[in-house]
Amino acid sequence: SGIAKIKKTHAKQWEAEEPGVFPIFGANKWRSQQFPYMFLGTFFTSNLNHRALPKIIHKVTNGRSLTDYHDEGNRIFVGWFLVQWLMGLAGNCSIRAFHALAVLQELCEFEAGE
């Protein structure tokens, strides 16, 4: 999977903390998992151009809930969260996310759909 490839190619960062997991919440699994729901359900779908996200997520997860999907070891988070995890705090800059994701695709040799 894409997450497994990121874990392999970025072992040092992964050891410190997994992407999309917020250490400020400690071991509180629910609080850590609330971010995908909060971002997808509140912030993004309030914008007209993001209204398709629930259908896209439903397709990506094969109809499973985000909690089930997360418990299987998968992650759904916005691109700039991944950029912050890769580079350190970089703000929520979509331009950085666009370029960093392209580099990550090259480093991890993602296949189509990962």
PDB file of N, CA and C in Angstrom:
ATOM      1  N   SER A   1       0.836  -1.188   0.000  1.00  0.00           N
ATOM      2  CA  SER A   1       0.000   0.000   0.000  1.00  0.00           C
ATOM      3  C   SER A   1       0.874   1.241   0.000  1.00  0.00           C
ATOM      4  N   GLY A   2       0.258   2.374  -0.283  1.00  0.00           N
ATOM      5  CA  GLY A   2       0.980   3.637  -0.266  1.00  0.00           C
ATOM      6  C   GLY A   2       1.544   3.959   1.104  1.00  0.00           C
ATOM      7  N   ILE A   3       0.767   3.704   2.142  1.00  0.00           N
ATOM      8  CA  ILE A   3       1.230   3.971   3.513  1.00  0.00           C
ATOM      9  C   ILE A   3       2.448   3.106   3.842  1.00  0.00           C
ATOM     10  N   ALA A   4       2.429   1.839   3.434  1.00  0.00           N
ATOM     11  CA  ALA A   4       3.570   0.947   3.693  1.00  0.00           C
ATOM     12  C   ALA A   4       4.822   1.458   2.981  1.00  0.00           C
ATOM     13  N   LYS A   5       4.659   1.992   1.788  1.00  0.00           N
ATOM     14  CA  LYS A   5       5.805   2.527   1.046  1.00  0.00           C
ATOM     15  C   LYS A   5       6.350   3.783   1.718  1.00  0.00           C
ATOM     16  N   ILE A   6       5.461   4.636   2.212  1.00  0.00           N
ATOM     17  CA  ILE A   6       5.917   5.821   2.937  1.00  0.00           C
ATOM     18  C   ILE A   6       6.661   5.397   4.203  1.00  0.00           C
ATOM     19  N   LYS A   7       6.129   4.417   4.898  1.00  0.00           N
ATOM     20  CA  LYS A   7       6.770   3.924   6.126  1.00  0.00           C
ATOM     21  C   LYS A   7       8.164   3.399   5.828  1.00  0.00           C
ATOM     22  N   LYS A   8       8.317   2.704   4.700  1.00  0.00           N
ATOM     23  CA  LYS A   8       9.612   2.120   4.336  1.00  0.00           C
ATOM     24  C   LYS A   8      10.614   3.201   3.924  1.00  0.00           C
ATOM     25  N   THR A   9      10.183   4.145   3.097  1.00  0.00           N
ATOM     26  CA  THR A   9      11.119   5.144   2.582  1.00  0.00           C
ATOM     27  C   THR A   9      11.389   6.279   3.566  1.00  0.00           C
ATOM     28  N   HIS A  10      10.532   6.433   4.561  1.00  0.00           N
ATOM     29  CA  HIS A  10      10.687   7.518   5.534  1.00  0.00           C
ATOM     30  C   HIS A  10      10.638   6.960   6.958  1.00  0.00           C
ATOM     31  N   ALA A  11      11.453   5.940   7.184  1.00  0.00           N
ATOM     32  CA  ALA A  11      11.427   5.213   8.461  1.00  0.00           C
ATOM     33  C   ALA A  11      11.750   6.120   9.652  1.00  0.00           C
ATOM     34  N   LYS A  12      12.672   7.041   9.479  1.00  0.00           N
ATOM     35  CA  LYS A  12      13.066   7.902  10.594  1.00  0.00           C
ATOM     36  C   LYS A  12      11.902   8.795  11.033  1.00  0.00           C
ATOM     37  N   GLN A  13      11.229   9.428  10.069  1.00  0.00           N
ATOM     38  CA  GLN A  13      10.079  10.255  10.413  1.00  0.00           C
ATOM     39  C   GLN A  13       8.967   9.396  11.015  1.00  0.00           C
ATOM     40  N   TRP A  14       8.755   8.203  10.428  1.00  0.00           N
ATOM     41  CA  TRP A  14       7.680   7.317  10.887  1.00  0.00           C
ATOM     42  C   TRP A  14       7.918   6.896  12.331  1.00  0.00           C
ATOM     43  N   GLU A  15       9.177   6.641  12.665  1.00  0.00           N
ATOM     44  CA  GLU A  15       9.499   6.217  14.032  1.00  0.00           C
ATOM     45  C   GLU A  15       9.146   7.314  15.041  1.00  0.00           C
ATOM     46  N   ALA A  16       9.356   8.556  14.648  1.00  0.00           N
ATOM     47  CA  ALA A  16       9.039   9.675  15.538  1.00  0.00           C
ATOM     48  C   ALA A  16       7.533   9.810  15.718  1.00  0.00           C
ATOM     49  N   GLU A  17       6.767   9.740  14.626  1.00  0.00           N
ATOM     50  CA  GLU A  17       5.307   9.757  14.672  1.00  0.00           C
ATOM     51  C   GLU A  17       4.763   9.439  13.289  1.00  0.00           C
ATOM     52  N   GLU A  18       3.633   8.791  13.254  1.00  0.00           N
ATOM     53  CA  GLU A  18       3.005   8.460  11.987  1.00  0.00           C
ATOM     54  C   GLU A  18       2.347   9.706  11.397  1.00  0.00           C
ATOM     55  N   PRO A  19       2.289   9.803  10.065  1.00  0.00           N
ATOM     56  CA  PRO A  19       1.600  10.951   9.473  1.00  0.00           C
ATOM     57  C   PRO A  19       0.113  10.907   9.779  1.00  0.00           C
ATOM     58  N   GLY A  20      -0.451  12.069  10.015  1.00  0.00           N
ATOM     59  CA  GLY A  20      -1.886  12.143  10.287  1.00  0.00           C
ATOM     60  C   GLY A  20      -2.267  11.830  11.718  1.00  0.00           C
ATOM     61  N   VAL A  21      -1.288  11.525  12.562  1.00  0.00           N
ATOM     62  CA  VAL A  21      -1.536  11.267  13.981  1.00  0.00           C
ATOM     63  C   VAL A  21      -1.004  12.470  14.742  1.00  0.00           C
ATOM     64  N   PHE A  22      -1.771  12.947  15.674  1.00  0.00           N
ATOM     65  CA  PHE A  22      -1.403  14.158  16.375  1.00  0.00           C
ATOM     66  C   PHE A  22      -0.934  13.823  17.780  1.00  0.00           C
ATOM     67  N   PRO A  23       0.380  13.960  18.055  1.00  0.00           N
ATOM     68  CA  PRO A  23       0.923  13.564  19.354  1.00  0.00           C
ATOM     69  C   PRO A  23       0.350  14.348  20.523  1.00  0.00           C
ATOM     70  N   ILE A  24      -0.220  15.521  20.256  1.00  0.00           N
ATOM     71  CA  ILE A  24      -0.784  16.290  21.366  1.00  0.00           C
ATOM     72  C   ILE A  24      -1.955  15.557  22.009  1.00  0.00           C
ATOM     73  N   PHE A  25      -2.536  14.595  21.298  1.00  0.00           N
ATOM     74  CA  PHE A  25      -3.650  13.835  21.838  1.00  0.00           C
ATOM     75  C   PHE A  25      -3.189  12.575  22.571  1.00  0.00           C
ATOM     76  N   GLY A  26      -1.890  12.308  22.549  1.00  0.00           N
ATOM     77  CA  GLY A  26      -1.365  11.131  23.234  1.00  0.00           C
ATOM     78  C   GLY A  26      -1.977   9.850  22.701  1.00  0.00           C
ATOM     79  N   ALA A  27      -2.326   8.964  23.602  1.00  0.00           N
ATOM     80  CA  ALA A  27      -2.850   7.660  23.214  1.00  0.00           C
ATOM     81  C   ALA A  27      -4.358   7.684  22.979  1.00  0.00           C
ATOM     82  N   ASN A  28      -4.977   8.846  23.047  1.00  0.00           N
ATOM     83  CA  ASN A  28      -6.413   8.935  22.886  1.00  0.00           C
ATOM     84  C   ASN A  28      -6.783   8.735  21.419  1.00  0.00           C
ATOM     85  N   LYS A  29      -7.111   7.497  21.074  1.00  0.00           N
ATOM     86  CA  LYS A  29      -7.380   7.114  19.688  1.00  0.00           C
ATOM     87  C   LYS A  29      -8.521   7.925  19.084  1.00  0.00           C
ATOM     88  N   TRP A  30      -9.588   8.128  19.833  1.00  0.00           N
ATOM     89  CA  TRP A  30     -10.733   8.845  19.278  1.00  0.00           C
ATOM     90  C   TRP A  30     -10.364  10.272  18.900  1.00  0.00           C
ATOM     91  N   ARG A  31      -9.636  10.953  19.780  1.00  0.00           N
ATOM     92  CA  ARG A  31      -9.283  12.340  19.487  1.00  0.00           C
ATOM     93  C   ARG A  31      -8.353  12.430  18.298  1.00  0.00           C
ATOM     94  N   SER A  32      -7.467  11.459  18.147  1.00  0.00           N
ATOM     95  CA  SER A  32      -6.571  11.466  16.999  1.00  0.00           C
ATOM     96  C   SER A  32      -7.340  11.219  15.708  1.00  0.00           C
ATOM     97  N   GLN A  33      -8.349  10.364  15.765  1.00  0.00           N
ATOM     98  CA  GLN A  33      -9.112  10.024  14.569  1.00  0.00           C
ATOM     99  C   GLN A  33     -10.184  11.056  14.228  1.00  0.00           C
ATOM    100  N   GLN A  34     -10.462  11.969  15.118  1.00  0.00           N
ATOM    101  CA  GLN A  34     -11.520  12.933  14.832  1.00  0.00           C
ATOM    102  C   GLN A  34     -11.129  13.911  13.740  1.00  0.00           C
ATOM    103  N   PHE A  35      -9.841  14.092  13.502  1.00  0.00           N
ATOM    104  CA  PHE A  35      -9.423  15.071  12.511  1.00  0.00           C
ATOM    105  C   PHE A  35      -9.925  14.765  11.103  1.00  0.00           C
ATOM    106  N   PRO A  36      -9.833  13.515  10.617  1.00  0.00           N
ATOM    107  CA  PRO A  36     -10.401  13.285   9.279  1.00  0.00           C
ATOM    108  C   PRO A  36     -11.881  13.627   9.210  1.00  0.00           C
ATOM    109  N   TYR A  37     -12.626  13.286  10.241  1.00  0.00           N
ATOM    110  CA  TYR A  37     -14.052  13.616  10.247  1.00  0.00           C
ATOM    111  C   TYR A  37     -14.256  15.126  10.283  1.00  0.00           C
ATOM    112  N   MET A  38     -13.488  15.794  11.125  1.00  0.00           N
ATOM    113  CA  MET A  38     -13.653  17.228  11.281  1.00  0.00           C
ATOM    114  C   MET A  38     -13.287  17.957   9.986  1.00  0.00           C
ATOM    115  N   PHE A  39     -12.151  17.606   9.404  1.00  0.00           N
ATOM    116  CA  PHE A  39     -11.728  18.291   8.194  1.00  0.00           C
ATOM    117  C   PHE A  39     -12.634  17.974   7.015  1.00  0.00           C
ATOM    118  N   LEU A  40     -12.970  16.713   6.846  1.00  0.00           N
ATOM    119  CA  LEU A  40     -13.817  16.344   5.705  1.00  0.00           C
ATOM    120  C   LEU A  40     -15.250  16.778   5.909  1.00  0.00           C
ATOM    121  N   GLY A  41     -15.741  16.675   7.124  1.00  0.00           N
ATOM    122  CA  GLY A  41     -17.145  16.942   7.367  1.00  0.00           C
ATOM    123  C   GLY A  41     -17.495  18.389   7.607  1.00  0.00           C
ATOM    124  N   THR A  42     -16.565  19.134   8.151  1.00  0.00           N
ATOM    125  CA  THR A  42     -16.882  20.507   8.525  1.00  0.00           C
ATOM    126  C   THR A  42     -16.177  21.514   7.633  1.00  0.00           C
ATOM    127  N   PHE A  43     -14.877  21.438   7.611  1.00  0.00           N
ATOM    128  CA  PHE A  43     -14.121  22.465   6.902  1.00  0.00           C
ATOM    129  C   PHE A  43     -14.248  22.356   5.389  1.00  0.00           C
ATOM    130  N   PHE A  44     -14.015  21.167   4.852  1.00  0.00           N
ATOM    131  CA  PHE A  44     -13.958  21.046   3.398  1.00  0.00           C
ATOM    132  C   PHE A  44     -15.321  21.047   2.736  1.00  0.00           C
ATOM    133  N   THR A  45     -16.268  20.326   3.285  1.00  0.00           N
ATOM    134  CA  THR A  45     -17.559  20.255   2.604  1.00  0.00           C
ATOM    135  C   THR A  45     -18.360  21.543   2.738  1.00  0.00           C
ATOM    136  N   SER A  46     -17.878  22.483   3.522  1.00  0.00           N
ATOM    137  CA  SER A  46     -18.533  23.783   3.561  1.00  0.00           C
ATOM    138  C   SER A  46     -18.165  24.620   2.335  1.00  0.00           C
ATOM    139  N   ASN A  47     -17.129  24.205   1.619  1.00  0.00           N
ATOM    140  CA  ASN A  47     -16.719  24.891   0.393  1.00  0.00           C
ATOM    141  C   ASN A  47     -17.298  24.162  -0.811  1.00  0.00           C
ATOM    142  N   LEU A  48     -17.869  24.902  -1.709  1.00  0.00           N
ATOM    143  CA  LEU A  48     -18.557  24.312  -2.852  1.00  0.00           C
ATOM    144  C   LEU A  48     -17.670  23.361  -3.647  1.00  0.00           C
ATOM    145  N   ASN A  49     -16.419  23.715  -3.854  1.00  0.00           N
ATOM    146  CA  ASN A  49     -15.546  22.876  -4.673  1.00  0.00           C
ATOM    147  C   ASN A  49     -15.145  21.566  -3.992  1.00  0.00           C
ATOM    148  N   HIS A  50     -15.455  21.405  -2.713  1.00  0.00           N
ATOM    149  CA  HIS A  50     -15.127  20.162  -2.003  1.00  0.00           C
ATOM    150  C   HIS A  50     -16.352  19.295  -1.726  1.00  0.00           C
ATOM    151  N   ARG A  51     -17.490  19.644  -2.238  1.00  0.00           N
ATOM    152  CA  ARG A  51     -18.708  18.901  -1.932  1.00  0.00           C
ATOM    153  C   ARG A  51     -18.680  17.466  -2.448  1.00  0.00           C
ATOM    154  N   ALA A  52     -17.812  17.168  -3.393  1.00  0.00           N
ATOM    155  CA  ALA A  52     -17.716  15.804  -3.936  1.00  0.00           C
ATOM    156  C   ALA A  52     -16.897  14.877  -3.031  1.00  0.00           C
ATOM    157  N   LEU A  53     -16.211  15.433  -2.033  1.00  0.00           N
ATOM    158  CA  LEU A  53     -15.320  14.611  -1.204  1.00  0.00           C
ATOM    159  C   LEU A  53     -15.999  13.429  -0.513  1.00  0.00           C
ATOM    160  N   PRO A  54     -17.185  13.572   0.078  1.00  0.00           N
ATOM    161  CA  PRO A  54     -17.779  12.394   0.711  1.00  0.00           C
ATOM    162  C   PRO A  54     -17.965  11.224  -0.256  1.00  0.00           C
ATOM    163  N   LYS A  55     -18.366  11.495  -1.479  1.00  0.00           N
ATOM    164  CA  LYS A  55     -18.519  10.418  -2.475  1.00  0.00           C
ATOM    165  C   LYS A  55     -17.166   9.822  -2.848  1.00  0.00           C
ATOM    166  N   ILE A  56     -16.154  10.672  -2.982  1.00  0.00           N
ATOM    167  CA  ILE A  56     -14.814  10.180  -3.317  1.00  0.00           C
ATOM    168  C   ILE A  56     -14.279   9.305  -2.186  1.00  0.00           C
ATOM    169  N   ILE A  57     -14.441   9.768  -0.945  1.00  0.00           N
ATOM    170  CA  ILE A  57     -13.978   8.993   0.215  1.00  0.00           C
ATOM    171  C   ILE A  57     -14.723   7.666   0.288  1.00  0.00           C
ATOM    172  N   HIS A  58     -16.008   7.689   0.036  1.00  0.00           N
ATOM    173  CA  HIS A  58     -16.810   6.453   0.033  1.00  0.00           C
ATOM    174  C   HIS A  58     -16.246   5.463  -0.985  1.00  0.00           C
ATOM    175  N   LYS A  59     -15.840   5.960  -2.143  1.00  0.00           N
ATOM    176  CA  LYS A  59     -15.273   5.086  -3.176  1.00  0.00           C
ATOM    177  C   LYS A  59     -13.896   4.574  -2.761  1.00  0.00           C
ATOM    178  N   VAL A  60     -13.056   5.458  -2.230  1.00  0.00           N
ATOM    179  CA  VAL A  60     -11.703   5.077  -1.814  1.00  0.00           C
ATOM    180  C   VAL A  60     -11.737   4.021  -0.712  1.00  0.00           C
ATOM    181  N   THR A  61     -12.648   4.161   0.230  1.00  0.00           N
ATOM    182  CA  THR A  61     -12.715   3.236   1.365  1.00  0.00           C
ATOM    183  C   THR A  61     -13.589   2.017   1.096  1.00  0.00           C
ATOM    184  N   ASN A  62     -14.096   1.917  -0.126  1.00  0.00           N
ATOM    185  CA  ASN A  62     -15.008   0.815  -0.487  1.00  0.00           C
ATOM    186  C   ASN A  62     -16.201   0.749   0.454  1.00  0.00           C
ATOM    187  N   GLY A  63     -16.706   1.922   0.839  1.00  0.00           N
ATOM    188  CA  GLY A  63     -17.909   2.009   1.654  1.00  0.00           C
ATOM    189  C   GLY A  63     -17.695   1.829   3.143  1.00  0.00           C
ATOM    190  N   ARG A  64     -16.448   1.604   3.570  1.00  0.00           N
ATOM    191  CA  ARG A  64     -16.185   1.444   5.003  1.00  0.00           C
ATOM    192  C   ARG A  64     -16.170   2.814   5.676  1.00  0.00           C
ATOM    193  N   SER A  65     -16.417   2.811   6.974  1.00  0.00           N
ATOM    194  CA  SER A  65     -16.348   4.065   7.725  1.00  0.00           C
ATOM    195  C   SER A  65     -14.893   4.503   7.833  1.00  0.00           C
ATOM    196  N   LEU A  66     -14.687   5.789   8.085  1.00  0.00           N
ATOM    197  CA  LEU A  66     -13.323   6.274   8.265  1.00  0.00           C
ATOM    198  C   LEU A  66     -12.647   5.604   9.459  1.00  0.00           C
ATOM    199  N   THR A  67     -13.407   5.308  10.496  1.00  0.00           N
ATOM    200  CA  THR A  67     -12.845   4.638  11.674  1.00  0.00           C
ATOM    201  C   THR A  67     -12.367   3.237  11.313  1.00  0.00           C
ATOM    202  N   ASP A  68     -13.189   2.467  10.605  1.00  0.00           N
ATOM    203  CA  ASP A  68     -12.766   1.129  10.175  1.00  0.00           C
ATOM    204  C   ASP A  68     -11.550   1.214   9.262  1.00  0.00           C
ATOM    205  N   TYR A  69     -11.574   2.162   8.351  1.00  0.00           N
ATOM    206  CA  TYR A  69     -10.472   2.353   7.411  1.00  0.00           C
ATOM    207  C   TYR A  69      -9.180   2.674   8.159  1.00  0.00           C
ATOM    208  N   HIS A  70      -9.273   3.531   9.161  1.00  0.00           N
ATOM    209  CA  HIS A  70      -8.119   3.904   9.980  1.00  0.00           C
ATOM    210  C   HIS A  70      -7.617   2.699  10.775  1.00  0.00           C
ATOM    211  N   ASP A  71      -8.537   1.929  11.357  1.00  0.00           N
ATOM    212  CA  ASP A  71      -8.151   0.771  12.163  1.00  0.00           C
ATOM    213  C   ASP A  71      -7.431  -0.293  11.346  1.00  0.00           C
ATOM    214  N   GLU A  72      -7.650  -0.300  10.029  1.00  0.00           N
ATOM    215  CA  GLU A  72      -6.965  -1.248   9.141  1.00  0.00           C
ATOM    216  C   GLU A  72      -5.565  -0.767   8.772  1.00  0.00           C
ATOM    217  N   GLY A  73      -5.164   0.383   9.300  1.00  0.00           N
ATOM    218  CA  GLY A  73      -3.818   0.897   9.039  1.00  0.00           C
ATOM    219  C   GLY A  73      -3.766   1.945   7.951  1.00  0.00           C
ATOM    220  N   ASN A  74      -4.903   2.328   7.413  1.00  0.00           N
ATOM    221  CA  ASN A  74      -4.950   3.349   6.369  1.00  0.00           C
ATOM    222  C   ASN A  74      -5.083   4.728   6.992  1.00  0.00           C
ATOM    223  N   ARG A  75      -4.798   5.731   6.218  1.00  0.00           N
ATOM    224  CA  ARG A  75      -4.938   7.106   6.692  1.00  0.00           C
ATOM    225  C   ARG A  75      -5.574   7.952   5.597  1.00  0.00           C
ATOM    226  N   ILE A  76      -6.432   8.848   6.008  1.00  0.00           N
ATOM    227  CA  ILE A  76      -6.955   9.885   5.123  1.00  0.00           C
ATOM    228  C   ILE A  76      -6.675  11.201   5.809  1.00  0.00           C
ATOM    229  N   PHE A  77      -5.889  12.032   5.158  1.00  0.00           N
ATOM    230  CA  PHE A  77      -5.603  13.347   5.694  1.00  0.00           C
ATOM    231  C   PHE A  77      -5.273  14.261   4.538  1.00  0.00           C
ATOM    232  N   VAL A  78      -5.361  15.535   4.774  1.00  0.00           N
ATOM    233  CA  VAL A  78      -5.127  16.500   3.715  1.00  0.00           C
ATOM    234  C   VAL A  78      -3.644  16.550   3.373  1.00  0.00           C
ATOM    235  N   GLY A  79      -3.347  16.952   2.145  1.00  0.00           N
ATOM    236  CA  GLY A  79      -1.973  16.937   1.658  1.00  0.00           C
ATOM    237  C   GLY A  79      -1.007  17.743   2.491  1.00  0.00           C
ATOM    238  N   TRP A  80      -1.451  18.881   3.014  1.00  0.00           N
ATOM    239  CA  TRP A  80      -0.503  19.689   3.778  1.00  0.00           C
ATOM    240  C   TRP A  80      -0.163  19.064   5.123  1.00  0.00           C
ATOM    241  N   PHE A  81      -1.008  18.152   5.652  1.00  0.00           N
ATOM    242  CA  PHE A  81      -0.601  17.404   6.851  1.00  0.00           C
ATOM    243  C   PHE A  81       0.598  16.534   6.533  1.00  0.00           C
ATOM    244  N   LEU A  82       0.563  15.916   5.365  1.00  0.00           N
ATOM    245  CA  LEU A  82       1.679  15.069   4.956  1.00  0.00           C
ATOM    246  C   LEU A  82       2.930  15.906   4.724  1.00  0.00           C
ATOM    247  N   VAL A  83       2.779  17.082   4.129  1.00  0.00           N
ATOM    248  CA  VAL A  83       3.913  17.974   3.914  1.00  0.00           C
ATOM    249  C   VAL A  83       4.530  18.368   5.248  1.00  0.00           C
ATOM    250  N   GLN A  84       3.688  18.705   6.226  1.00  0.00           N
ATOM    251  CA  GLN A  84       4.215  19.061   7.539  1.00  0.00           C
ATOM    252  C   GLN A  84       4.962  17.890   8.152  1.00  0.00           C
ATOM    253  N   TRP A  85       4.445  16.686   7.958  1.00  0.00           N
ATOM    254  CA  TRP A  85       5.106  15.500   8.496  1.00  0.00           C
ATOM    255  C   TRP A  85       6.436  15.267   7.789  1.00  0.00           C
ATOM    256  N   LEU A  86       6.496  15.474   6.497  1.00  0.00           N
ATOM    257  CA  LEU A  86       7.721  15.253   5.736  1.00  0.00           C
ATOM    258  C   LEU A  86       8.782  16.310   6.015  1.00  0.00           C
ATOM    259  N   MET A  87       8.360  17.579   6.067  1.00  0.00           N
ATOM    260  CA  MET A  87       9.304  18.693   6.106  1.00  0.00           C
ATOM    261  C   MET A  87       9.374  19.401   7.443  1.00  0.00           C
ATOM    262  N   GLY A  88       8.511  19.068   8.352  1.00  0.00           N
ATOM    263  CA  GLY A  88       8.392  19.870   9.553  1.00  0.00           C
ATOM    264  C   GLY A  88       7.322  20.912   9.308  1.00  0.00           C
ATOM    265  N   LEU A  89       7.031  21.703  10.273  1.00  0.00           N
ATOM    266  CA  LEU A  89       5.953  22.668  10.165  1.00  0.00           C
ATOM    267  C   LEU A  89       6.151  23.573   8.949  1.00  0.00           C
ATOM    268  N   ALA A  90       5.188  23.545   8.049  1.00  0.00           N
ATOM    269  CA  ALA A  90       5.298  24.332   6.819  1.00  0.00           C
ATOM    270  C   ALA A  90       4.024  25.109   6.521  1.00  0.00           C
ATOM    271  N   GLY A  91       3.076  25.104   7.429  1.00  0.00           N
ATOM    272  CA  GLY A  91       1.815  25.781   7.180  1.00  0.00           C
ATOM    273  C   GLY A  91       0.927  24.953   6.260  1.00  0.00           C
ATOM    274  N   ASN A  92      -0.215  25.487   5.949  1.00  0.00           N
ATOM    275  CA  ASN A  92      -1.151  24.731   5.118  1.00  0.00           C
ATOM    276  C   ASN A  92      -1.085  25.190   3.669  1.00  0.00           C
ATOM    277  N   CYS A  93       0.111  25.227   3.144  1.00  0.00           N
ATOM    278  CA  CYS A  93       0.358  25.727   1.800  1.00  0.00           C
ATOM    279  C   CYS A  93       0.106  24.629   0.772  1.00  0.00           C
ATOM    280  N   SER A  94      -0.898  24.818  -0.041  1.00  0.00           N
ATOM    281  CA  SER A  94      -1.236  23.827  -1.056  1.00  0.00           C
ATOM    282  C   SER A  94      -0.183  23.732  -2.140  1.00  0.00           C
ATOM    283  N   ILE A  95       0.539  24.822  -2.393  1.00  0.00           N
ATOM    284  CA  ILE A  95       1.601  24.776  -3.404  1.00  0.00           C
ATOM    285  C   ILE A  95       2.713  23.843  -2.939  1.00  0.00           C
ATOM    286  N   ARG A  96       3.100  23.950  -1.672  1.00  0.00           N
ATOM    287  CA  ARG A  96       4.105  23.023  -1.139  1.00  0.00           C
ATOM    288  C   ARG A  96       3.601  21.586  -1.201  1.00  0.00           C
ATOM    289  N   ALA A  97       2.338  21.383  -0.859  1.00  0.00           N
ATOM    290  CA  ALA A  97       1.769  20.034  -0.882  1.00  0.00           C
ATOM    291  C   ALA A  97       1.825  19.458  -2.285  1.00  0.00           C
ATOM    292  N   PHE A  98       1.483  20.246  -3.274  1.00  0.00           N
ATOM    293  CA  PHE A  98       1.490  19.773  -4.662  1.00  0.00           C
ATOM    294  C   PHE A  98       2.873  19.284  -5.055  1.00  0.00           C
ATOM    295  N   HIS A  99       3.904  20.057  -4.760  1.00  0.00           N
ATOM    296  CA  HIS A  99       5.269  19.687  -5.142  1.00  0.00           C
ATOM    297  C   HIS A  99       5.825  18.564  -4.262  1.00  0.00           C
ATOM    298  N   ALA A 100       5.544  18.623  -2.968  1.00  0.00           N
ATOM    299  CA  ALA A 100       6.044  17.574  -2.063  1.00  0.00           C
ATOM    300  C   ALA A 100       5.418  16.224  -2.391  1.00  0.00           C
ATOM    301  N   LEU A 101       4.153  16.203  -2.744  1.00  0.00           N
ATOM    302  CA  LEU A 101       3.507  14.938  -3.097  1.00  0.00           C
ATOM    303  C   LEU A 101       4.100  14.363  -4.370  1.00  0.00           C
ATOM    304  N   ALA A 102       4.465  15.212  -5.319  1.00  0.00           N
ATOM    305  CA  ALA A 102       5.104  14.725  -6.543  1.00  0.00           C
ATOM    306  C   ALA A 102       6.456  14.082  -6.230  1.00  0.00           C
ATOM    307  N   VAL A 103       7.239  14.705  -5.345  1.00  0.00           N
ATOM    308  CA  VAL A 103       8.526  14.134  -4.933  1.00  0.00           C
ATOM    309  C   VAL A 103       8.301  12.821  -4.187  1.00  0.00           C
ATOM    310  N   LEU A 104       7.309  12.808  -3.305  1.00  0.00           N
ATOM    311  CA  LEU A 104       7.008  11.594  -2.553  1.00  0.00           C
ATOM    312  C   LEU A 104       6.597  10.451  -3.484  1.00  0.00           C
ATOM    313  N   GLN A 105       5.826  10.757  -4.507  1.00  0.00           N
ATOM    314  CA  GLN A 105       5.437   9.729  -5.476  1.00  0.00           C
ATOM    315  C   GLN A 105       6.659   9.136  -6.154  1.00  0.00           C
ATOM    316  N   GLU A 106       7.624   9.981  -6.465  1.00  0.00           N
ATOM    317  CA  GLU A 106       8.844   9.502  -7.107  1.00  0.00           C
ATOM    318  C   GLU A 106       9.678   8.651  -6.142  1.00  0.00           C
ATOM    319  N   LEU A 107       9.848   9.132  -4.909  1.00  0.00           N
ATOM    320  CA  LEU A 107      10.657   8.403  -3.927  1.00  0.00           C
ATOM    321  C   LEU A 107      10.054   7.047  -3.569  1.00  0.00           C
ATOM    322  N   CYS A 108       8.733   6.999  -3.424  1.00  0.00           N
ATOM    323  CA  CYS A 108       8.067   5.781  -2.968  1.00  0.00           C
ATOM    324  C   CYS A 108       7.655   4.863  -4.112  1.00  0.00           C
ATOM    325  N   GLU A 109       7.753   5.363  -5.346  1.00  0.00           N
ATOM    326  CA  GLU A 109       7.363   4.590  -6.524  1.00  0.00           C
ATOM    327  C   GLU A 109       5.928   4.067  -6.394  1.00  0.00           C
ATOM    328  N   PHE A 110       5.037   4.988  -6.091  1.00  0.00           N
ATOM    329  CA  PHE A 110       3.626   4.630  -5.970  1.00  0.00           C
ATOM    330  C   PHE A 110       3.090   4.102  -7.295  1.00  0.00           C
ATOM    331  N   GLU A 111       2.188   3.169  -7.200  1.00  0.00           N
ATOM    332  CA  GLU A 111       1.462   2.692  -8.373  1.00  0.00           C
ATOM    333  C   GLU A 111       0.185   3.504  -8.511  1.00  0.00           C
ATOM    334  N   ALA A 112      -0.457   3.406  -9.655  1.00  0.00           N
ATOM    335  CA  ALA A 112      -1.698   4.145  -9.878  1.00  0.00           C
ATOM    336  C   ALA A 112      -2.703   3.785  -8.782  1.00  0.00           C
ATOM    337  N   GLY A 113      -3.314   4.797  -8.198  1.00  0.00           N
ATOM    338  CA  GLY A 113      -4.328   4.594  -7.167  1.00  0.00           C
ATOM    339  C   GLY A 113      -3.819   4.614  -5.748  1.00  0.00           C
ATOM    340  N   GLU A 114      -2.497   4.583  -5.568  1.00  0.00           N
ATOM    341  CA  GLU A 114      -1.969   4.617  -4.188  1.00  0.00           C
ATOM    342  C   GLU A 114      -1.869   6.050  -3.711  1.00  0.00           C
TER     343      GLU A 114
END
